[in-house]
Amino acid sequence: MVGSKKRCQLPHQDISIEKIIMHEGYPKNITQNDIALIKLDRDVVYSAHINSICLPLYPSLQKNVLGQTLYLVTGWGRTESGRPSDVPMEACSGDSGGPLQYPFRFYGKQRFVQAGIVSVGSRQCGIETYPSVATNVVVFMPWITKQTAVV
């Protein structure tokens, strides 16, 4: 089609939210306990481009992330031009809630472990002197496992 913008996007799934579980300590202090869980109203159908991220449930996955290669958030935040991205990219303003992750091998395949959740994204995309702040997922694993046991 001449003059049209055709985008090649992989198939997606629209899934509604059944329940949001916010950490009970978050409303009291917005700089701490910045974590919530979302229960979907149906199961996700996994495919080659839709997969889960691993949580650091075991001590071997709860390693100190200092010095590790971490992949910043993949999200649809603003790009260097200040416009929202139409494809997931690494780390920028508007990516809050996305994963801070590191790779590991599981049964011979590369997987990712969620080390953090972006709390405050960088306002200046692509500039190293403007850091992002993330919630440490390992610290909240007892809370996460307690909440998921009852939902």
Protein backbone atom coordinates (compact mmCIF):
# COMPACT_ATOMS: atom_id res chain seq x y z
CA MET A 1 0.00 0.00 0.00
CA VAL A 2 1.53 3.26 -1.11
CA GLY A 3 1.81 5.98 1.52
CA SER A 4 0.68 3.82 4.43
CA LYS A 5 2.75 2.97 7.46
CA LYS A 6 2.72 -0.77 7.87
CA ARG A 7 4.46 -2.05 10.98
CA CYS A 8 5.65 -5.57 11.42
CA GLN A 9 4.59 -6.50 14.92
CA LEU A 10 4.38 -9.91 16.48
CA PRO A 11 0.94 -11.08 17.63
CA HIS A 12 -0.05 -9.83 21.07
CA GLN A 13 -2.54 -10.83 23.75
CA ASP A 14 -4.97 -8.45 25.45
CA ILE A 15 -5.51 -9.70 29.00
CA SER A 16 -7.58 -7.91 31.62
CA ILE A 17 -6.55 -7.43 35.23
CA GLU A 18 -8.42 -9.37 37.88
CA LYS A 19 -6.66 -7.93 40.93
CA ILE A 20 -3.84 -5.53 41.90
CA ILE A 21 -1.98 -6.22 45.14
CA MET A 22 0.03 -3.20 46.31
CA HIS A 23 2.58 -3.53 49.09
CA GLU A 24 0.92 -2.38 52.28
CA GLY A 25 3.89 -0.13 53.13
CA TYR A 26 3.96 1.76 49.82
CA PRO A 27 1.31 4.46 50.35
CA LYS A 28 2.99 5.52 53.60
CA ASN A 29 6.37 6.23 52.04
CA ILE A 30 6.64 6.49 48.26
CA THR A 31 10.40 5.99 48.32
CA GLN A 32 10.14 2.51 49.87
CA ASN A 33 8.12 -0.65 49.22
CA ASP A 34 7.52 0.38 45.59
CA ILE A 35 6.20 -3.00 44.47
CA ALA A 36 2.86 -4.47 43.44
CA LEU A 37 1.60 -7.67 41.88
CA ILE A 38 -1.00 -7.95 39.14
CA LYS A 39 -3.21 -11.02 38.83
CA LEU A 40 -4.45 -11.47 35.29
CA ASP A 41 -7.99 -12.66 34.59
CA ARG A 42 -6.75 -15.58 32.50
CA ASP A 43 -3.59 -17.51 31.76
CA VAL A 44 -1.03 -16.19 29.29
CA VAL A 45 -0.37 -18.37 26.26
CA TYR A 46 3.41 -18.56 25.91
CA SER A 47 5.04 -18.45 22.50
CA ALA A 48 8.43 -17.73 20.94
CA HIS A 49 8.03 -14.01 21.75
CA ILE A 50 5.87 -14.15 24.91
CA ASN A 51 7.57 -15.79 27.89
CA SER A 52 7.94 -15.43 31.62
CA ILE A 53 10.83 -14.00 33.59
CA CYS A 54 12.28 -16.01 36.46
CA LEU A 55 12.08 -14.77 40.03
CA PRO A 56 15.09 -15.16 42.33
CA LEU A 57 13.49 -17.86 44.50
CA TYR A 58 16.67 -19.78 45.30
CA PRO A 59 19.96 -18.65 46.88
CA SER A 60 21.80 -19.43 43.64
CA LEU A 61 19.61 -16.84 41.89
CA GLN A 62 19.80 -14.34 44.73
CA LYS A 63 23.44 -13.61 44.07
CA ASN A 64 24.81 -10.17 44.56
CA VAL A 65 24.06 -8.29 41.36
CA LEU A 66 26.91 -5.80 41.85
CA GLY A 67 29.39 -6.39 39.08
CA GLN A 68 26.87 -8.43 37.07
CA THR A 69 25.80 -7.47 33.60
CA LEU A 70 22.26 -6.22 34.12
CA TYR A 71 19.88 -5.47 31.32
CA LEU A 72 17.89 -2.43 32.05
CA VAL A 73 14.24 -2.26 31.63
CA THR A 74 12.62 -3.14 28.40
CA GLY A 75 9.61 -0.93 27.97
CA TRP A 76 7.77 1.58 25.86
CA GLY A 77 9.09 4.70 27.58
CA ARG A 78 10.28 7.88 25.96
CA THR A 79 13.18 7.83 23.52
CA GLU A 80 16.04 10.32 23.29
CA SER A 81 13.71 12.57 21.27
CA GLY A 82 11.17 12.59 24.13
CA ARG A 83 8.55 10.63 22.18
CA PRO A 84 7.10 7.30 23.35
CA SER A 85 8.59 4.26 21.67
CA ASP A 86 6.40 1.94 19.61
CA VAL A 87 8.76 -0.99 20.26
CA PRO A 88 10.26 -2.12 23.59
CA MET A 89 13.65 -0.54 24.24
CA GLU A 90 16.12 -0.41 27.15
CA ALA A 91 15.63 2.06 29.96
CA CYS A 92 14.13 5.52 29.81
CA SER A 93 11.51 7.73 31.42
CA GLY A 94 8.12 6.04 31.33
CA ASP A 95 9.54 2.54 31.87
CA SER A 96 8.60 2.40 35.57
CA GLY A 97 7.40 -1.03 36.59
CA GLY A 98 9.57 -2.81 34.05
CA PRO A 99 12.24 -5.41 34.84
CA LEU A 100 15.90 -4.99 35.69
CA GLN A 101 17.21 -8.40 34.71
CA TYR A 102 20.27 -10.58 34.25
CA PRO A 103 20.77 -13.67 32.08
CA PHE A 104 21.45 -17.19 33.32
CA ARG A 105 21.40 -20.66 31.78
CA PHE A 106 18.60 -23.06 32.74
CA TYR A 107 18.61 -26.54 31.21
CA GLY A 108 20.86 -25.29 28.44
CA LYS A 109 18.70 -22.32 27.49
CA GLN A 110 19.22 -18.66 28.26
CA ARG A 111 16.63 -17.25 30.64
CA PHE A 112 16.42 -14.00 32.60
CA VAL A 113 16.09 -13.43 36.35
CA GLN A 114 14.32 -10.31 37.57
CA ALA A 115 16.73 -8.54 39.91
CA GLY A 116 14.73 -5.33 40.18
CA ILE A 117 11.68 -3.32 39.18
CA VAL A 118 12.26 0.17 37.83
CA SER A 119 10.88 2.65 40.33
CA VAL A 120 12.15 5.90 38.84
CA GLY A 121 13.38 5.98 35.26
CA SER A 122 15.99 8.33 33.90
CA ARG A 123 14.61 11.64 32.65
CA GLN A 124 17.54 12.04 30.26
CA CYS A 125 17.53 8.96 28.04
CA GLY A 126 20.87 7.47 27.08
CA ILE A 127 22.91 9.67 29.43
CA GLU A 128 24.81 7.69 32.06
CA THR A 129 24.94 10.53 34.59
CA TYR A 130 21.17 10.35 35.09
CA PRO A 131 20.60 7.07 36.95
CA SER A 132 17.42 5.08 37.34
CA VAL A 133 16.25 3.69 40.69
CA ALA A 134 15.02 0.10 41.04
CA THR A 135 13.27 -1.90 43.76
CA ASN A 136 15.39 -4.91 44.81
CA VAL A 137 13.23 -7.98 44.06
CA VAL A 138 15.34 -10.30 46.28
CA VAL A 139 14.41 -8.22 49.36
CA PHE A 140 10.71 -8.67 48.56
CA MET A 141 10.73 -12.41 47.74
CA PRO A 142 9.11 -13.33 51.12
CA TRP A 143 6.31 -10.80 50.43
CA ILE A 144 5.90 -12.00 46.82
CA THR A 145 5.69 -15.68 47.80
CA LYS A 146 3.22 -14.89 50.61
CA GLN A 147 0.98 -12.89 48.26
CA THR A 148 1.07 -15.46 45.46
CA ALA A 149 0.21 -18.26 47.86
CA VAL A 150 -3.16 -16.67 48.61
CA VAL A 151 -4.22 -15.29 45.19
